[in-house]
PDB file of N, CA and C in Angstrom:
ATOM      1  N   MET A   1      10.435  18.948 -47.041  1.00  0.00           N
ATOM      2  CA  MET A   1       9.448  18.950 -45.879  1.00  0.00           C
ATOM      3  C   MET A   1       8.013  18.712 -46.505  1.00  0.00           C
ATOM      4  N   SER A   2       7.252  17.893 -45.866  1.00  0.00           N
ATOM      5  CA  SER A   2       5.816  17.710 -46.308  1.00  0.00           C
ATOM      6  C   SER A   2       4.799  18.478 -45.504  1.00  0.00           C
ATOM      7  N   THR A   3       3.991  19.055 -46.270  1.00  0.00           N
ATOM      8  CA  THR A   3       2.796  19.655 -45.544  1.00  0.00           C
ATOM      9  C   THR A   3       1.511  19.055 -45.493  1.00  0.00           C
ATOM     10  N   LYS A   4       1.651  17.799 -45.829  1.00  0.00           N
ATOM     11  CA  LYS A   4       0.205  16.912 -45.949  1.00  0.00           C
ATOM     12  C   LYS A   4      -0.205  16.690 -44.538  1.00  0.00           C
ATOM     13  N   LYS A   5      -1.643  17.045 -44.414  1.00  0.00           N
ATOM     14  CA  LYS A   5      -2.183  17.064 -43.269  1.00  0.00           C
ATOM     15  C   LYS A   5      -2.468  15.511 -42.761  1.00  0.00           C
ATOM     16  N   SER A   6      -2.305  15.329 -41.491  1.00  0.00           N
ATOM     17  CA  SER A   6      -2.537  14.048 -40.906  1.00  0.00           C
ATOM     18  C   SER A   6      -3.990  13.464 -41.016  1.00  0.00           C
ATOM     19  N   GLU A   7      -4.059  12.315 -41.344  1.00  0.00           N
ATOM     20  CA  GLU A   7      -5.384  11.667 -41.545  1.00  0.00           C
ATOM     21  C   GLU A   7      -6.297  11.614 -40.045  1.00  0.00           C
ATOM     22  N   LYS A   8      -5.598  11.564 -38.994  1.00  0.00           N
ATOM     23  CA  LYS A   8      -6.206  11.373 -37.732  1.00  0.00           C
ATOM     24  C   LYS A   8      -6.194  12.706 -37.025  1.00  0.00           C
ATOM     25  N   ALA A   9      -5.834  13.820 -37.570  1.00  0.00           N
ATOM     26  CA  ALA A   9      -5.831  15.137 -36.817  1.00  0.00           C
ATOM     27  C   ALA A   9      -7.387  15.648 -36.423  1.00  0.00           C
ATOM     28  N   SER A  10      -7.391  16.284 -35.350  1.00  0.00           N
ATOM     29  CA  SER A  10      -8.577  16.720 -34.939  1.00  0.00           C
ATOM     30  C   SER A  10      -8.679  18.334 -35.214  1.00  0.00           C
ATOM     31  N   GLN A  11      -9.778  18.714 -35.646  1.00  0.00           N
ATOM     32  CA  GLN A  11     -10.068  20.236 -35.878  1.00  0.00           C
ATOM     33  C   GLN A  11     -10.411  20.729 -34.598  1.00  0.00           C
ATOM     34  N   VAL A  12      -9.660  21.851 -34.244  1.00  0.00           N
ATOM     35  CA  VAL A  12      -9.871  22.502 -32.755  1.00  0.00           C
ATOM     36  C   VAL A  12     -10.236  24.126 -33.114  1.00  0.00           C
ATOM     37  N   ARG A  13     -11.327  24.457 -32.522  1.00  0.00           N
ATOM     38  CA  ARG A  13     -11.601  26.090 -32.589  1.00  0.00           C
ATOM     39  C   ARG A  13     -11.742  26.286 -31.205  1.00  0.00           C
ATOM     40  N   ILE A  14     -11.019  27.427 -30.799  1.00  0.00           N
ATOM     41  CA  ILE A  14     -11.025  27.955 -29.493  1.00  0.00           C
ATOM     42  C   ILE A  14     -11.401  29.507 -29.412  1.00  0.00           C
ATOM     43  N   SER A  15     -12.452  29.775 -28.787  1.00  0.00           N
ATOM     44  CA  SER A  15     -13.010  31.056 -28.667  1.00  0.00           C
ATOM     45  C   SER A  15     -12.295  31.837 -27.556  1.00  0.00           C
ATOM     46  N   ILE A  16     -11.717  32.995 -27.712  1.00  0.00           N
ATOM     47  CA  ILE A  16     -10.995  33.918 -26.681  1.00  0.00           C
ATOM     48  C   ILE A  16     -12.012  34.916 -26.049  1.00  0.00           C
ATOM     49  N   ILE A  17     -12.214  35.145 -24.852  1.00  0.00           N
ATOM     50  CA  ILE A  17     -12.983  36.134 -24.264  1.00  0.00           C
ATOM     51  C   ILE A  17     -12.465  37.544 -24.699  1.00  0.00           C
ATOM     52  N   ASN A  18     -13.335  38.417 -25.163  1.00  0.00           N
ATOM     53  CA  ASN A  18     -13.091  39.758 -25.653  1.00  0.00           C
ATOM     54  C   ASN A  18     -12.293  39.893 -27.069  1.00  0.00           C
ATOM     55  N   VAL A  19     -12.346  38.789 -27.773  1.00  0.00           N
ATOM     56  CA  VAL A  19     -11.785  38.825 -29.052  1.00  0.00           C
ATOM     57  C   VAL A  19     -12.712  38.358 -30.050  1.00  0.00           C
ATOM     58  N   ASN A  20     -12.908  39.031 -31.152  1.00  0.00           N
ATOM     59  CA  ASN A  20     -13.841  38.746 -32.114  1.00  0.00           C
ATOM     60  C   ASN A  20     -13.747  37.518 -32.962  1.00  0.00           C
ATOM     61  N   SER A  21     -12.432  37.143 -33.232  1.00  0.00           N
ATOM     62  CA  SER A  21     -12.261  35.912 -34.117  1.00  0.00           C
ATOM     63  C   SER A  21     -11.778  34.813 -33.029  1.00  0.00           C
ATOM     64  N   GLU A  22     -11.762  33.711 -33.638  1.00  0.00           N
ATOM     65  CA  GLU A  22     -11.352  32.525 -32.786  1.00  0.00           C
ATOM     66  C   GLU A  22     -10.128  31.761 -33.426  1.00  0.00           C
ATOM     67  N   LEU A  23      -9.501  31.123 -32.562  1.00  0.00           N
ATOM     68  CA  LEU A  23      -8.352  30.320 -33.172  1.00  0.00           C
ATOM     69  C   LEU A  23      -8.906  28.989 -33.680  1.00  0.00           C
ATOM     70  N   SER A  24      -8.313  28.451 -34.936  1.00  0.00           N
ATOM     71  CA  SER A  24      -8.831  27.325 -35.554  1.00  0.00           C
ATOM     72  C   SER A  24      -7.592  26.748 -36.178  1.00  0.00           C
ATOM     73  N   PHE A  25      -7.443  25.505 -35.848  1.00  0.00           N
ATOM     74  CA  PHE A  25      -6.131  24.699 -36.265  1.00  0.00           C
ATOM     75  C   PHE A  25      -6.374  23.216 -36.152  1.00  0.00           C
ATOM     76  N   GLU A  26      -5.624  22.678 -36.862  1.00  0.00           N
ATOM     77  CA  GLU A  26      -5.673  20.979 -36.745  1.00  0.00           C
ATOM     78  C   GLU A  26      -4.776  20.442 -35.823  1.00  0.00           C
ATOM     79  N   CYS A  27      -5.143  19.716 -34.862  1.00  0.00           N
ATOM     80  CA  CYS A  27      -4.193  19.248 -33.773  1.00  0.00           C
ATOM     81  C   CYS A  27      -4.062  17.630 -34.005  1.00  0.00           C
ATOM     82  N   PRO A  28      -2.733  17.123 -33.854  1.00  0.00           N
ATOM     83  CA  PRO A  28      -2.414  15.702 -34.028  1.00  0.00           C
ATOM     84  C   PRO A  28      -3.104  14.898 -32.874  1.00  0.00           C
ATOM     85  N   SER A  29      -3.485  15.456 -31.823  1.00  0.00           N
ATOM     86  CA  SER A  29      -3.815  14.792 -30.641  1.00  0.00           C
ATOM     87  C   SER A  29      -5.364  14.259 -30.944  1.00  0.00           C
ATOM     88  N   THR A  30      -5.795  13.277 -30.038  1.00  0.00           N
ATOM     89  CA  THR A  30      -6.985  12.773 -30.259  1.00  0.00           C
ATOM     90  C   THR A  30      -8.074  13.577 -29.508  1.00  0.00           C
ATOM     91  N   PRO A  31      -9.326  13.512 -29.671  1.00  0.00           N
ATOM     92  CA  PRO A  31     -10.386  14.404 -29.040  1.00  0.00           C
ATOM     93  C   PRO A  31     -10.297  14.101 -27.476  1.00  0.00           C
ATOM     94  N   GLU A  32     -10.038  13.005 -27.079  1.00  0.00           N
ATOM     95  CA  GLU A  32      -9.930  12.688 -25.616  1.00  0.00           C
ATOM     96  C   GLU A  32      -8.771  13.387 -25.091  1.00  0.00           C
ATOM     97  N   GLU A  33      -7.654  13.454 -25.686  1.00  0.00           N
ATOM     98  CA  GLU A  33      -6.484  14.096 -25.244  1.00  0.00           C
ATOM     99  C   GLU A  33      -6.684  15.589 -25.177  1.00  0.00           C
ATOM    100  N   ILE A  34      -7.228  16.084 -26.173  1.00  0.00           N
ATOM    101  CA  ILE A  34      -7.579  17.417 -26.151  1.00  0.00           C
ATOM    102  C   ILE A  34      -8.479  17.895 -25.034  1.00  0.00           C
ATOM    103  N   LYS A  35      -9.554  17.101 -24.774  1.00  0.00           N
ATOM    104  CA  LYS A  35     -10.443  17.290 -23.686  1.00  0.00           C
ATOM    105  C   LYS A  35      -9.810  17.264 -22.183  1.00  0.00           C
ATOM    106  N   SER A  36      -9.032  16.288 -22.185  1.00  0.00           N
ATOM    107  CA  SER A  36      -8.286  16.130 -20.975  1.00  0.00           C
ATOM    108  C   SER A  36      -7.369  17.417 -20.755  1.00  0.00           C
ATOM    109  N   ALA A  37      -6.609  17.932 -21.813  1.00  0.00           N
ATOM    110  CA  ALA A  37      -5.778  18.990 -21.576  1.00  0.00           C
ATOM    111  C   ALA A  37      -6.590  20.264 -21.309  1.00  0.00           C
ATOM    112  N   VAL A  38      -7.823  20.431 -21.815  1.00  0.00           N
ATOM    113  CA  VAL A  38      -8.677  21.637 -21.672  1.00  0.00           C
ATOM    114  C   VAL A  38      -9.138  21.585 -20.282  1.00  0.00           C
ATOM    115  N   SER A  39      -9.647  20.371 -19.839  1.00  0.00           N
ATOM    116  CA  SER A  39     -10.143  20.262 -18.442  1.00  0.00           C
ATOM    117  C   SER A  39      -8.964  20.452 -17.354  1.00  0.00           C
ATOM    118  N   ALA A  40      -7.866  19.950 -17.741  1.00  0.00           N
ATOM    119  CA  ALA A  40      -6.720  20.208 -16.731  1.00  0.00           C
ATOM    120  C   ALA A  40      -6.359  21.744 -16.668  1.00  0.00           C
ATOM    121  N   ALA A  41      -6.256  22.451 -17.757  1.00  0.00           N
ATOM    122  CA  ALA A  41      -6.078  23.769 -17.746  1.00  0.00           C
ATOM    123  C   ALA A  41      -7.087  24.609 -17.065  1.00  0.00           C
ATOM    124  N   LEU A  42      -8.306  24.362 -17.110  1.00  0.00           N
ATOM    125  CA  LEU A  42      -9.413  24.876 -16.527  1.00  0.00           C
ATOM    126  C   LEU A  42      -9.448  24.890 -15.035  1.00  0.00           C
ATOM    127  N   SER A  43      -9.236  23.567 -14.716  1.00  0.00           N
ATOM    128  CA  SER A  43      -9.395  23.158 -13.354  1.00  0.00           C
ATOM    129  C   SER A  43      -8.127  23.788 -12.407  1.00  0.00           C
ATOM    130  N   SER A  44      -7.006  23.803 -13.080  1.00  0.00           N
ATOM    131  CA  SER A  44      -5.855  24.365 -12.353  1.00  0.00           C
ATOM    132  C   SER A  44      -5.443  25.927 -12.686  1.00  0.00           C
ATOM    133  N   SER A  45      -6.129  26.397 -13.659  1.00  0.00           N
ATOM    134  CA  SER A  45      -5.887  27.843 -13.941  1.00  0.00           C
ATOM    135  C   SER A  45      -4.628  28.079 -14.531  1.00  0.00           C
ATOM    136  N   THR A  46      -4.195  26.969 -15.272  1.00  0.00           N
ATOM    137  CA  THR A  46      -2.896  27.180 -16.101  1.00  0.00           C
ATOM    138  C   THR A  46      -3.212  27.311 -17.519  1.00  0.00           C
ATOM    139  N   PRO A  47      -2.210  27.735 -18.326  1.00  0.00           N
ATOM    140  CA  PRO A  47      -2.471  27.982 -19.679  1.00  0.00           C
ATOM    141  C   PRO A  47      -2.659  26.683 -20.398  1.00  0.00           C
ATOM    142  N   LEU A  48      -3.621  26.748 -21.321  1.00  0.00           N
ATOM    143  CA  LEU A  48      -3.940  25.667 -22.319  1.00  0.00           C
ATOM    144  C   LEU A  48      -2.789  25.656 -23.356  1.00  0.00           C
ATOM    145  N   ILE A  49      -2.048  24.405 -23.572  1.00  0.00           N
ATOM    146  CA  ILE A  49      -0.955  24.268 -24.504  1.00  0.00           C
ATOM    147  C   ILE A  49      -1.291  23.161 -25.290  1.00  0.00           C
ATOM    148  N   LEU A  50      -1.451  23.717 -26.532  1.00  0.00           N
ATOM    149  CA  LEU A  50      -1.637  22.292 -27.676  1.00  0.00           C
ATOM    150  C   LEU A  50      -0.777  22.827 -28.837  1.00  0.00           C
ATOM    151  N   SER A  51      -0.457  21.694 -29.611  1.00  0.00           N
ATOM    152  CA  SER A  51       0.320  21.908 -30.819  1.00  0.00           C
ATOM    153  C   SER A  51      -0.595  21.599 -32.026  1.00  0.00           C
ATOM    154  N   ASP A  52      -0.133  22.230 -33.189  1.00  0.00           N
ATOM    155  CA  ASP A  52      -0.836  21.993 -34.422  1.00  0.00           C
ATOM    156  C   ASP A  52      -0.196  20.861 -35.232  1.00  0.00           C
ATOM    157  N   VAL A  53      -0.630  20.503 -36.398  1.00  0.00           N
ATOM    158  CA  VAL A  53      -0.035  19.521 -37.160  1.00  0.00           C
ATOM    159  C   VAL A  53       1.276  19.772 -37.721  1.00  0.00           C
ATOM    160  N   ARG A  54       1.634  21.208 -37.718  1.00  0.00           N
ATOM    161  CA  ARG A  54       2.953  21.693 -38.204  1.00  0.00           C
ATOM    162  C   ARG A  54       3.948  21.778 -37.181  1.00  0.00           C
ATOM    163  N   GLY A  55       3.719  21.483 -35.979  1.00  0.00           N
ATOM    164  CA  GLY A  55       4.465  21.677 -34.695  1.00  0.00           C
ATOM    165  C   GLY A  55       4.493  22.932 -33.941  1.00  0.00           C
ATOM    166  N   HIS A  56       3.674  23.761 -34.464  1.00  0.00           N
ATOM    167  CA  HIS A  56       3.532  25.099 -33.705  1.00  0.00           C
ATOM    168  C   HIS A  56       2.676  24.960 -32.436  1.00  0.00           C
ATOM    169  N   GLU A  57       3.121  25.626 -31.503  1.00  0.00           N
ATOM    170  CA  GLU A  57       2.432  25.524 -30.150  1.00  0.00           C
ATOM    171  C   GLU A  57       1.477  26.676 -30.003  1.00  0.00           C
ATOM    172  N   VAL A  58       0.228  26.356 -29.525  1.00  0.00           N
ATOM    173  CA  VAL A  58      -0.741  27.354 -29.326  1.00  0.00           C
ATOM    174  C   VAL A  58      -1.050  27.463 -27.705  1.00  0.00           C
ATOM    175  N   ILE A  59      -0.821  28.616 -27.180  1.00  0.00           N
ATOM    176  CA  ILE A  59      -0.891  28.732 -25.749  1.00  0.00           C
ATOM    177  C   ILE A  59      -2.011  29.741 -25.414  1.00  0.00           C
ATOM    178  N   VAL A  60      -3.076  29.359 -24.517  1.00  0.00           N
ATOM    179  CA  VAL A  60      -4.136  30.301 -24.386  1.00  0.00           C
ATOM    180  C   VAL A  60      -4.196  30.196 -22.854  1.00  0.00           C
ATOM    181  N   PRO A  61      -4.313  31.373 -22.084  1.00  0.00           N
ATOM    182  CA  PRO A  61      -4.535  31.454 -20.745  1.00  0.00           C
ATOM    183  C   PRO A  61      -5.881  30.869 -20.411  1.00  0.00           C
ATOM    184  N   ALA A  62      -5.882  30.098 -19.348  1.00  0.00           N
ATOM    185  CA  ALA A  62      -7.234  29.360 -19.006  1.00  0.00           C
ATOM    186  C   ALA A  62      -8.400  30.419 -18.752  1.00  0.00           C
ATOM    187  N   GLU A  63      -8.082  31.552 -18.146  1.00  0.00           N
ATOM    188  CA  GLU A  63      -9.153  32.487 -17.769  1.00  0.00           C
ATOM    189  C   GLU A  63      -9.739  33.225 -18.981  1.00  0.00           C
ATOM    190  N   LYS A  64      -9.149  33.023 -20.115  1.00  0.00           N
ATOM    191  CA  LYS A  64      -9.499  33.732 -21.372  1.00  0.00           C
ATOM    192  C   LYS A  64     -10.218  32.874 -22.259  1.00  0.00           C
ATOM    193  N   ILE A  65     -10.327  31.455 -22.058  1.00  0.00           N
ATOM    194  CA  ILE A  65     -11.076  30.568 -22.813  1.00  0.00           C
ATOM    195  C   ILE A  65     -12.666  30.709 -22.743  1.00  0.00           C
ATOM    196  N   GLY A  66     -13.199  31.110 -23.969  1.00  0.00           N
ATOM    197  CA  GLY A  66     -14.748  31.135 -24.028  1.00  0.00           C
ATOM    198  C   GLY A  66     -15.199  29.879 -24.143  1.00  0.00           C
ATOM    199  N   TYR A  67     -14.809  29.086 -25.222  1.00  0.00           N
ATOM    200  CA  TYR A  67     -15.318  27.731 -25.521  1.00  0.00           C
ATOM    201  C   TYR A  67     -14.239  27.117 -26.395  1.00  0.00           C
ATOM    202  N   VAL A  68     -14.283  25.649 -26.388  1.00  0.00           N
ATOM    203  CA  VAL A  68     -13.389  24.954 -27.176  1.00  0.00           C
ATOM    204  C   VAL A  68     -14.230  24.007 -27.903  1.00  0.00           C
ATOM    205  N   GLU A  69     -14.090  23.944 -29.267  1.00  0.00           N
ATOM    206  CA  GLU A  69     -14.970  22.983 -30.176  1.00  0.00           C
ATOM    207  C   GLU A  69     -13.890  22.104 -30.712  1.00  0.00           C
ATOM    208  N   ILE A  70     -14.032  20.738 -30.604  1.00  0.00           N
ATOM    209  CA  ILE A  70     -13.358  19.866 -31.107  1.00  0.00           C
ATOM    210  C   ILE A  70     -14.199  18.924 -32.196  1.00  0.00           C
ATOM    211  N   GLY A  71     -13.578  18.658 -33.384  1.00  0.00           N
ATOM    212  CA  GLY A  71     -14.262  17.951 -34.300  1.00  0.00           C
ATOM    213  C   GLY A  71     -13.196  17.103 -35.393  1.00  0.00           C
ATOM    214  N   GLN A  72     -13.716  16.292 -36.231  1.00  0.00           N
ATOM    215  CA  GLN A  72     -12.942  15.732 -37.064  1.00  0.00           C
ATOM    216  C   GLN A  72     -13.012  16.482 -38.471  1.00  0.00           C
ATOM    217  N   PRO A  73     -11.939  16.817 -39.220  1.00  0.00           N
ATOM    218  CA  PRO A  73     -11.938  17.567 -40.464  1.00  0.00           C
ATOM    219  C   PRO A  73     -12.832  16.814 -41.382  1.00  0.00           C
ATOM    220  N   THR A  74     -13.519  17.434 -42.249  1.00  0.00           N
ATOM    221  CA  THR A  74     -14.341  16.792 -43.145  1.00  0.00           C
ATOM    222  C   THR A  74     -13.725  16.967 -44.498  1.00  0.00           C
ATOM    223  N   GLU A  75     -13.893  15.805 -45.323  1.00  0.00           N
ATOM    224  CA  GLU A  75     -13.335  15.701 -46.731  1.00  0.00           C
ATOM    225  C   GLU A  75     -13.971  16.756 -47.637  1.00  0.00           C
ATOM    226  N   ARG A  76     -13.273  17.429 -48.443  1.00  0.00           N
ATOM    227  CA  ARG A  76     -13.934  18.275 -49.362  1.00  0.00           C
ATOM    228  C   ARG A  76     -14.485  17.504 -50.509  1.00  0.00           C
ATOM    229  N   ARG A  77     -15.570  17.786 -50.853  1.00  0.00           N
ATOM    230  CA  ARG A  77     -16.213  17.101 -52.141  1.00  0.00           C
ATOM    231  C   ARG A  77     -16.158  17.926 -53.276  1.00  0.00           C
ATOM    232  N   VAL A  78     -15.551  17.314 -54.330  1.00  0.00           N
ATOM    233  CA  VAL A  78     -15.521  17.973 -55.573  1.00  0.00           C
ATOM    234  C   VAL A  78     -16.227  17.266 -56.785  1.00  0.00           C
ATOM    235  N   GLY A  79     -16.812  18.123 -57.528  1.00  0.00           N
ATOM    236  CA  GLY A  79     -17.648  17.590 -58.733  1.00  0.00           C
ATOM    237  C   GLY A  79     -19.018  17.826 -58.613  1.00  0.00           C
ATOM    238  N   PHE A  80     -19.775  17.512 -59.717  1.00  0.00           N
ATOM    239  CA  PHE A  80     -21.194  17.666 -59.753  1.00  0.00           C
ATOM    240  C   PHE A  80     -21.928  16.732 -59.038  1.00  0.00           C
ATOM    241  N   GLY A  81     -21.435  15.534 -58.785  1.00  0.00           N
ATOM    242  CA  GLY A  81     -22.226  14.377 -58.147  1.00  0.00           C
ATOM    243  C   GLY A  81     -21.855  14.456 -56.624  1.00  0.00           C
ATOM    244  N   ALA A  82     -21.113  15.325 -56.038  1.00  0.00           N
ATOM    245  CA  ALA A  82     -20.817  15.253 -54.632  1.00  0.00           C
ATOM    246  C   ALA A  82     -22.163  15.916 -53.768  1.00  0.00           C
ATOM    247  N   ASN A  83     -22.617  15.012 -53.120  1.00  0.00           N
ATOM    248  CA  ASN A  83     -23.841  15.373 -52.303  1.00  0.00           C
ATOM    249  C   ASN A  83     -23.755  15.214 -50.971  1.00  0.00           C
TER     250      ASN A  83
END
């Protein structure tokens, strides 16, 4: 089984109300698909359900979502010339 990360995965961070830490994971969905899932969950007051790159599901009650941040993962730079 390979654990290689998908090249087109989106980095997702979800803040949960009254919880100090946030959920952070890579999602194989596009940013547009994630935005649409978040909007649908918030408008219908149903849980937000996303999956990560390893196939695990993340389920968050809509009323507990503080914010959702979506971005592309950045490549790590290694070496002295990495600016």
